Protein backbone atom coordinates (compact mmCIF):
# COMPACT_ATOMS: atom_id res chain seq x y z
CA MET A 1 82.08 167.11 65.47
CA ASP A 2 80.49 165.00 68.19
CA TYR A 3 77.96 166.77 70.35
CA LEU A 4 79.92 166.31 73.59
CA LYS A 5 82.90 168.12 72.10
CA GLN A 6 80.61 170.88 70.81
CA LYS A 7 79.06 171.19 74.27
CA LEU A 8 82.54 171.56 75.71
CA ILE A 9 83.40 174.31 73.24
CA ASP A 10 80.22 176.22 74.06
CA VAL A 11 80.87 176.02 77.80
CA ALA A 12 84.63 176.41 77.90
CA LEU A 13 85.57 179.17 75.47
CA PRO A 14 83.89 181.98 77.45
CA LYS A 15 85.60 180.74 80.62
CA ALA A 16 88.97 180.59 78.88
CA GLU A 17 88.50 184.24 78.00
CA ILE A 18 87.77 184.99 81.66
CA VAL A 19 91.04 183.33 82.67
CA ARG A 20 93.01 185.36 80.13
CA ASN A 21 91.43 188.59 81.35
CA LEU A 22 92.09 187.74 85.00
CA VAL A 23 95.78 187.29 84.24
CA LYS A 24 95.93 190.42 82.07
CA LYS A 25 93.99 192.81 84.29
CA ASN A 26 94.51 191.38 87.80
CA GLY A 27 97.79 189.53 87.54
CA ASP A 28 99.49 191.60 90.26
CA LYS A 29 96.71 191.24 92.81
CA VAL A 30 97.73 189.47 96.04
CA ILE A 31 95.18 186.79 96.91
CA GLN A 32 96.79 184.94 99.82
CA GLU A 33 99.53 185.36 102.41
CA ILE A 34 101.67 182.25 102.84
CA THR A 35 103.37 181.18 106.08
CA MET A 36 106.73 179.50 106.40
CA SER A 37 105.00 176.50 107.98
CA GLN A 38 102.84 176.04 104.89
CA VAL A 39 105.86 176.07 102.60
CA LEU A 40 107.89 173.63 104.74
CA THR A 41 105.06 171.18 105.47
CA GLY A 42 103.71 170.33 102.06
CA MET A 43 102.01 173.58 100.95
CA LYS A 44 98.81 172.55 102.74
CA GLY A 45 96.08 175.14 102.35
CA VAL A 46 98.02 177.21 99.83
CA VAL A 47 95.90 178.19 96.84
CA GLY A 48 98.19 177.52 93.89
CA LEU A 49 96.10 175.70 91.31
CA LEU A 50 93.08 176.31 89.12
CA THR A 51 90.83 173.25 89.26
CA CYS A 52 87.23 173.23 88.08
CA THR A 53 86.17 169.58 88.43
CA SER A 54 85.71 169.31 92.20
CA LYS A 55 86.22 171.15 95.47
CA LEU A 56 87.10 169.74 98.87
CA ASP A 57 85.52 171.53 101.81
CA PRO A 58 86.81 170.71 105.32
CA GLU A 59 83.26 170.57 106.69
CA GLU A 60 81.19 169.42 103.71
CA GLY A 61 83.57 167.01 102.00
CA ILE A 62 83.97 166.60 98.26
CA ARG A 63 81.69 168.39 95.83
CA PHE A 64 81.76 167.66 92.12
CA ARG A 65 80.99 170.88 90.25
CA GLY A 66 79.11 171.97 93.35
CA TYR A 67 77.21 168.71 93.94
CA SER A 68 77.76 166.56 97.02
CA ILE A 69 77.90 162.78 96.81
CA PRO A 70 74.36 162.38 98.23
CA GLU A 71 73.14 164.85 95.60
CA LEU A 72 74.92 162.91 92.85
CA LYS A 73 73.23 159.72 93.99
CA GLU A 74 69.92 161.51 93.61
CA LYS A 75 70.53 163.41 90.37
CA LEU A 76 72.84 161.34 88.15
CA PRO A 77 71.40 158.71 85.80
CA CYS A 78 71.40 155.10 86.97
CA LEU A 79 71.22 151.91 84.97
CA HIS A 80 68.47 150.55 87.22
CA GLU A 81 65.98 152.35 89.43
CA GLY A 82 67.37 152.58 92.93
CA GLY A 83 70.85 151.60 91.72
CA GLU A 84 74.14 153.41 91.87
CA PRO A 85 74.86 156.35 89.54
CA LEU A 86 76.87 155.56 86.43
CA PRO A 87 80.42 156.98 86.48
CA GLU A 88 79.84 158.19 82.91
CA GLY A 89 77.50 160.73 84.48
CA VAL A 90 80.04 162.24 86.86
CA PHE A 91 82.53 162.40 83.97
CA TYR A 92 80.01 164.40 81.92
CA LEU A 93 79.34 166.65 84.90
CA MET A 94 83.03 167.33 85.53
CA LEU A 95 83.69 167.91 81.82
CA THR A 96 80.80 170.25 81.05
CA GLY A 97 79.69 171.56 84.44
CA GLU A 98 76.13 170.40 83.73
CA LEU A 99 74.13 167.43 84.98
CA PRO A 100 73.71 164.81 82.26
CA ASN A 101 70.52 163.14 81.13
CA ASP A 102 70.16 159.48 80.20
CA GLU A 103 71.09 160.11 76.58
CA ASP A 104 74.28 161.92 77.55
CA VAL A 105 75.38 158.98 79.67
CA LYS A 106 74.49 156.45 76.98
CA TYR A 107 76.50 158.46 74.46
CA ILE A 108 79.61 158.34 76.64
CA SER A 109 79.16 154.62 77.34
CA ASN A 110 78.92 153.94 73.61
CA GLN A 111 81.91 156.17 72.85
CA TRP A 112 84.06 154.38 75.39
CA ALA A 113 82.93 150.94 74.21
CA GLN A 114 83.96 151.84 70.65
CA ARG A 115 87.27 153.45 71.59
CA ALA A 116 88.22 150.57 73.89
CA GLN A 117 88.73 148.36 70.86
CA GLY A 118 91.82 150.33 69.85
CA ILE A 119 94.37 148.86 72.26
CA PRO A 120 97.38 147.77 70.18
CA SER A 121 98.83 144.29 70.66
CA HIS A 122 102.21 145.58 71.80
CA VAL A 123 100.60 146.86 75.02
CA TYR A 124 99.80 143.30 76.05
CA ASP A 125 103.28 142.20 74.95
CA VAL A 126 104.80 144.79 77.27
CA ILE A 127 102.65 143.61 80.18
CA GLU A 128 103.58 139.99 79.51
CA ALA A 129 107.28 140.92 79.50
CA LEU A 130 107.00 141.88 83.18
CA PRO A 131 107.22 139.28 85.96
CA LYS A 132 103.81 138.11 87.10
CA ASP A 133 104.74 138.98 90.65
CA ALA A 134 105.49 142.60 89.73
CA HIS A 135 103.05 144.76 91.66
CA PRO A 136 99.88 145.38 89.63
CA MET A 137 100.56 149.13 89.75
CA ILE A 138 103.89 148.57 87.99
CA GLN A 139 102.11 146.63 85.27
CA PHE A 140 99.28 149.17 85.07
CA ASN A 141 101.58 152.14 84.72
CA THR A 142 103.82 150.37 82.21
CA ALA A 143 100.76 149.62 80.08
CA ILE A 144 99.66 153.26 80.22
CA LEU A 145 103.02 154.37 78.87
CA ALA A 146 102.97 151.63 76.22
CA MET A 147 99.61 152.95 75.00
CA SER A 148 101.11 156.39 74.46
CA THR A 149 102.16 155.27 70.97
CA GLU A 150 98.52 155.99 70.12
CA SER A 151 98.55 159.54 71.47
CA GLN A 152 96.48 161.81 69.26
CA PHE A 153 97.96 164.86 70.97
CA ARG A 154 101.52 163.83 70.16
CA LYS A 155 100.69 163.22 66.51
CA ALA A 156 98.85 166.55 66.16
CA TYR A 157 101.60 168.49 67.93
CA LEU A 158 104.32 167.06 65.67
CA VAL A 159 102.36 168.07 62.57
CA GLY A 160 101.94 171.56 63.98
CA MET A 161 98.90 173.32 65.37
CA ASP A 162 97.70 176.54 66.94
CA LYS A 163 98.12 176.38 70.72
CA LYS A 164 94.51 177.45 71.22
CA ASP A 165 93.56 174.08 69.70
CA TYR A 166 95.69 171.93 72.03
CA TRP A 167 92.58 170.96 73.93
CA ASP A 168 91.08 169.07 70.95
CA PRO A 169 93.61 166.21 70.62
CA THR A 170 93.92 166.23 74.41
CA TYR A 171 90.19 165.55 74.64
CA GLU A 172 90.47 162.76 72.06
CA GLY A 173 93.38 161.19 73.92
CA VAL A 174 91.55 161.43 77.23
CA MET A 175 88.48 159.70 75.79
CA ASP A 176 90.68 156.96 74.32
CA LEU A 177 92.64 156.42 77.51
CA ILE A 178 89.66 156.33 79.87
CA SER A 179 87.89 153.86 77.60
CA ARG A 180 90.81 151.42 77.72
CA LEU A 181 91.77 151.51 81.38
CA PRO A 182 89.17 148.94 82.56
CA ILE A 183 90.41 146.43 79.96
CA ILE A 184 94.02 146.93 81.04
CA ALA A 185 93.17 146.71 84.74
CA ALA A 186 91.13 143.54 84.28
CA TYR A 187 93.83 142.00 82.07
CA ILE A 188 96.43 142.54 84.81
CA TYR A 189 94.07 141.21 87.48
CA ARG A 190 93.39 138.01 85.57
CA ARG A 191 97.06 137.63 84.66
CA VAL A 192 98.31 137.93 88.23
CA PHE A 193 95.53 136.31 90.24
CA HIS A 194 93.67 134.00 87.85
CA ASN A 195 96.34 132.23 85.83
CA GLY A 196 95.94 134.46 82.81
CA ASN A 197 92.43 133.23 82.06
CA HIS A 198 91.24 136.44 80.47
CA ILE A 199 87.64 137.48 79.86
CA ALA A 200 86.73 139.48 76.76
CA PRO A 201 84.97 142.82 77.22
CA ASP A 202 81.25 143.07 76.64
CA PRO A 203 80.52 146.27 74.67
CA SER A 204 76.88 146.15 75.74
CA LEU A 205 77.82 146.82 79.37
CA ASP A 206 78.45 150.16 81.01
CA TRP A 207 82.03 151.21 81.77
CA ALA A 208 82.17 150.08 85.42
CA GLY A 209 79.94 147.05 84.88
CA ASN A 210 82.26 145.88 82.11
CA LEU A 211 85.23 146.15 84.46
CA ALA A 212 83.54 143.85 86.97
CA HIS A 213 82.61 141.47 84.13
CA MET A 214 86.18 141.29 82.78
CA MET A 215 87.57 140.72 86.27
CA GLY A 216 85.35 137.65 86.51
CA HIS A 217 82.96 139.08 89.11
CA ASN A 218 80.01 139.09 86.78
CA THR A 219 77.15 139.51 89.23
CA GLU A 220 74.82 142.49 89.42
CA GLU A 221 75.94 142.98 93.02
CA VAL A 222 79.61 143.49 92.11
CA LYS A 223 78.71 145.65 89.10
CA ARG A 224 76.66 147.81 91.45
CA LEU A 225 79.61 148.08 93.83
CA MET A 226 82.02 148.90 91.02
CA ARG A 227 79.80 151.77 89.83
CA LEU A 228 79.85 153.23 93.34
CA TYR A 229 83.60 152.71 93.70
CA MET A 230 84.35 154.37 90.38
CA LEU A 231 82.08 157.31 91.23
CA ILE A 232 83.41 158.22 94.66
CA HIS A 233 87.11 157.83 93.83
CA SER A 234 86.91 159.81 90.59
CA ASP A 235 88.28 163.14 91.83
CA HIS A 236 89.37 164.95 94.98
CA GLU A 237 90.25 168.53 94.06
CA GLY A 238 93.51 169.44 92.31
CA GLY A 239 96.13 169.43 95.05
CA ASN A 240 96.30 165.75 95.97
CA VAL A 241 99.35 163.92 94.68
CA SER A 242 97.79 162.07 91.73
CA ALA A 243 95.83 165.10 90.51
CA HIS A 244 98.70 167.53 90.96
CA ALA A 245 101.23 165.21 89.33
CA THR A 246 98.97 164.74 86.31
CA HIS A 247 98.53 168.51 86.02
CA LEU A 248 102.23 169.25 86.54
CA VAL A 249 103.47 166.88 83.85
CA GLY A 250 100.64 167.93 81.56
CA SER A 251 101.70 171.56 81.95
CA ALA A 252 104.83 170.66 79.95
CA LEU A 253 102.45 169.64 77.13
CA SER A 254 103.17 166.00 77.79
CA ASN A 255 100.41 163.90 76.26
CA PRO A 256 97.58 162.47 78.40
CA TYR A 257 99.30 159.07 78.70
CA TYR A 258 102.55 160.55 80.06
CA SER A 259 100.62 162.89 82.34
CA PHE A 260 98.32 160.21 83.75
CA SER A 261 101.27 157.86 84.23
CA ALA A 262 102.88 160.50 86.46
CA GLY A 263 99.70 160.71 88.49
CA MET A 264 99.62 156.94 88.90
CA ASN A 265 103.19 156.91 90.19
CA GLY A 266 101.97 159.24 92.91
CA LEU A 267 98.86 157.20 93.57
CA ALA A 268 101.02 154.13 94.18
CA GLY A 269 102.45 155.66 97.36
CA PRO A 270 101.30 154.36 100.77
CA LEU A 271 100.24 157.87 101.81
CA HIS A 272 97.86 158.06 98.84
CA GLY A 273 96.26 155.24 96.85
CA MET A 274 97.80 152.33 98.72
CA ALA A 275 96.23 153.41 101.98
CA ASN A 276 93.27 151.03 101.61
CA GLN A 277 95.70 148.11 101.46
CA ASP A 278 97.30 149.33 104.70
CA VAL A 279 93.85 149.32 106.27
CA MET A 280 93.28 145.69 105.31
CA HIS A 281 96.68 144.64 106.62
CA TRP A 282 95.97 146.43 109.91
CA LEU A 283 92.55 144.78 110.24
CA ASN A 284 93.92 141.31 109.59
CA LYS A 285 96.89 141.83 111.89
CA MET A 286 94.52 142.99 114.63
CA LYS A 287 92.38 139.89 114.27
CA ARG A 288 95.43 137.62 114.39
CA GLU A 289 96.94 139.28 117.46
CA ILE A 290 93.64 139.44 119.32
CA GLY A 291 92.96 135.86 118.29
CA SER A 292 89.41 136.42 117.09
CA GLU A 293 87.64 136.94 113.76
CA ASP A 294 85.02 138.96 115.64
CA PRO A 295 86.78 141.10 118.27
CA THR A 296 84.75 143.12 120.73
CA GLU A 297 84.75 146.91 120.83
CA GLU A 298 86.76 146.73 124.05
CA GLN A 299 89.43 144.62 122.34
CA ILE A 300 89.50 146.96 119.34
CA LYS A 301 89.90 149.96 121.65
CA ALA A 302 92.86 148.37 123.44
CA TYR A 303 94.50 147.38 120.16
CA ALA A 304 94.03 150.87 118.70
CA GLU A 305 95.57 152.45 121.80
CA GLU A 306 98.52 150.06 121.57
CA THR A 307 98.99 150.98 117.91
CA LEU A 308 99.28 154.64 118.85
CA LYS A 309 101.66 153.91 121.75
CA LYS A 310 104.03 152.28 119.27
CA GLY A 311 104.16 155.52 117.31
CA ARG A 312 102.08 154.19 114.44
CA VAL A 313 98.96 155.53 112.80
CA ILE A 314 95.57 153.87 112.57
CA PRO A 315 95.17 153.59 108.80
CA GLY A 316 91.95 154.86 107.30
CA TYR A 317 91.42 157.53 109.97
CA GLY A 318 92.24 161.20 109.59
CA HIS A 319 92.56 163.42 106.54
CA ALA A 320 94.78 166.36 105.59
CA VAL A 321 91.78 168.58 104.83
CA LEU A 322 88.51 167.07 106.08
CA ARG A 323 87.31 167.81 109.60
CA LYS A 324 84.36 165.40 109.61
CA THR A 325 83.60 161.85 108.54
CA ASP A 326 84.48 161.55 104.86
CA PRO A 327 81.20 161.46 102.87
CA ARG A 328 82.85 158.81 100.68
CA PHE A 329 83.13 156.62 103.79
CA THR A 330 79.53 157.34 104.72
CA VAL A 331 78.09 156.41 101.33
CA GLN A 332 80.05 153.15 101.29
CA LEU A 333 78.93 152.29 104.81
CA GLU A 334 75.31 152.95 103.80
CA PHE A 335 75.79 150.69 100.78
CA ALA A 336 77.28 147.94 102.95
CA ASN A 337 74.64 148.21 105.67
CA LYS A 338 71.93 148.04 103.00
CA TYR A 339 73.18 145.03 101.06
CA ILE A 340 75.63 143.05 103.24
CA PRO A 341 75.20 144.16 106.88
CA ASP A 342 76.21 140.76 108.23
CA ALA A 343 79.45 140.47 106.26
CA PRO A 344 82.25 139.97 108.83
CA TYR A 345 84.41 142.83 107.58
CA ILE A 346 81.46 145.22 107.52
CA LYS A 347 80.54 144.35 111.10
CA LEU A 348 84.18 144.97 112.02
CA VAL A 349 84.23 148.34 110.23
CA ASN A 350 81.12 149.41 112.15
CA LYS A 351 82.74 148.47 115.47
CA ILE A 352 85.92 150.34 114.63
CA TYR A 353 83.86 153.40 113.67
CA ASN A 354 82.25 153.28 117.11
CA VAL A 355 85.60 153.15 118.88
CA VAL A 356 88.55 154.68 117.05
CA PRO A 357 87.43 158.35 116.79
CA ASN A 358 87.21 158.55 120.59
CA VAL A 359 90.60 156.88 120.96
CA LEU A 360 92.14 159.46 118.66
CA LEU A 361 90.36 162.37 120.34
CA ALA A 362 91.65 161.22 123.70
CA THR A 363 95.23 161.84 122.57
CA GLY A 364 94.52 165.57 122.32
CA LYS A 365 96.69 165.74 119.20
CA VAL A 366 94.33 164.77 116.38
CA LYS A 367 92.31 167.44 114.58
CA ASN A 368 90.35 164.96 112.50
CA PRO A 369 89.69 161.60 114.18
CA TRP A 370 87.10 160.56 111.59
CA PRO A 371 87.33 157.82 108.93
CA ASN A 372 88.26 158.58 105.36
CA VAL A 373 87.38 156.70 102.18
CA ASP A 374 90.07 154.04 102.74
CA ALA A 375 88.64 152.94 106.09
CA ILE A 376 86.00 150.85 104.33
CA SER A 377 86.73 150.56 100.61
CA GLY A 378 88.98 147.50 100.96
CA SER A 379 86.51 145.80 103.30
CA LEU A 380 83.73 146.30 100.76
CA LEU A 381 85.77 144.86 97.92
CA THR A 382 86.87 141.92 100.06
CA SER A 383 83.30 141.23 101.16
CA TYR A 384 82.28 140.90 97.52
CA GLY A 385 85.06 138.44 96.71
CA ILE A 386 87.74 140.81 95.40
CA THR A 387 90.22 139.71 98.04
CA GLU A 388 93.45 140.48 96.22
CA PHE A 389 94.65 143.64 98.01
CA PRO A 390 97.33 144.69 95.47
CA ILE A 391 94.67 145.29 92.79
CA TYR A 392 92.85 147.87 94.92
CA THR A 393 95.13 150.74 93.96
CA VAL A 394 94.72 149.88 90.28
CA LEU A 395 90.95 150.13 90.66
CA PHE A 396 91.45 153.47 92.41
CA GLY A 397 93.57 154.56 89.45
CA VAL A 398 90.93 153.60 86.89
CA SER A 399 88.43 155.74 88.76
CA ARG A 400 90.76 158.69 89.37
CA ALA A 401 91.32 158.97 85.61
CA LEU A 402 87.84 160.48 85.27
CA GLY A 403 88.71 163.58 87.27
CA VAL A 404 92.39 164.21 86.61
CA LEU A 405 92.10 163.69 82.86
CA THR A 406 88.99 165.87 82.63
CA GLN A 407 90.96 168.60 84.36
CA LEU A 408 93.81 168.08 81.88
CA VAL A 409 91.39 168.94 79.06
CA TRP A 410 90.40 172.09 80.95
CA ASP A 411 94.05 173.00 81.51
CA ARG A 412 94.47 173.09 77.74
CA LEU A 413 91.18 174.95 77.25
CA TYR A 414 92.28 177.59 79.74
CA GLY A 415 95.66 177.78 78.02
CA LEU A 416 97.49 177.33 81.33
CA PRO A 417 101.29 177.63 81.06
CA ILE A 418 103.97 175.30 82.35
CA GLU A 419 104.00 175.14 86.16
CA ARG A 420 107.18 176.60 87.62
CA PRO A 421 107.15 177.59 91.32
CA LYS A 422 110.20 179.22 92.87
CA SER A 423 112.35 177.28 95.33
CA GLN A 424 114.93 178.45 97.89
CA ASN A 425 117.70 176.82 99.92
CA LEU A 426 117.63 176.34 103.68
CA GLN A 427 119.58 179.51 104.44
CA TYR A 428 116.80 181.56 102.83
CA PHE A 429 114.30 180.26 105.39
CA ILE A 430 116.75 180.69 108.27
CA ASP A 431 117.27 184.29 107.24
CA LYS A 432 113.52 184.88 106.90
CA ALA A 433 112.94 183.46 110.37
CA SER A 434 115.37 185.96 111.87
CA GLU A 435 113.85 189.02 110.18
């Protein structure tokens, strides 16, 4: 047994016992009152899931196993001194609950490089059967499902196994799937935007660096950016659409490929993973209508106010939970101001940051006028030459696999049952309102 799996056993089995005892001894305990508004407006704030990988605090932002993004930048292993943390490190942290050392990260990099070689040829055949102008997320998700022929969980389940061991083939499938996603994403990118001139993976590179290499952006600068991008998008608690969808489908004992595919269908929505594309469209439309590549803060303020008057939102600003500037925005802005402060899109992002929060506050209707991760991520990618907006959500999906699939392993370790909330018709709520 590999040492990472043994580490997981040592950490997880005692916690699985805690979960069983909580259900057995405290199952009838009421932990939260729920309002009708919460039920009818998306269940916001309702505690209904067990998620161990990360926690979203309205004031502090995202914490991975208790560590903030600035702390991760300080504590996780980097490939180069002063560089960005390797995503392999945050995966290890989310999986085991412990900070990794350099050897832990190297082990995962090597594991993923080896497992990535197992993509069957029919997966590429399936991608090639789709129109080239099919959205990259369609191609990405189709490829994920096509890879499910290799599911170790499905094969083990059909043979028969004790349910307490479900986590083992789930872990193996998760490691396989994560290892192969950069190759699939890069293959789609080169197929759609670079005439199918594909670039072979380099097993000597780290996971995120290899993705940049296969996309054809083989500079240390883009590899550095890709490590940051993969780190900060890797997880965001359990209730967001992609995480919850992965958990929900996985609760039916669907294999990791089916489960992750469900999550990616959710990520493809404009209110979730496509938001960074909306930001870029809004920025470019603003520049066209103002008639300047470098609008002033006064012009941006007027354009933002006009956007709101038309009943539209300013994409990239506001968040369902956060009540401060998203730390994922902050760390990207720091990265941009350090390496490419004079890039036109970065200068524009800084101006918007100076203006838009006050515009939103002035409406008296906005609880959180601050930027979220999407307010800058597309501008960063564009500034480094990745200008093809439709691929952005695919990159988001590659990163998000780290968190949602880690949690899927923990769902099986905990022995969580199928998710089945109760629903009611409209008359039920009308009657409750009159009580």
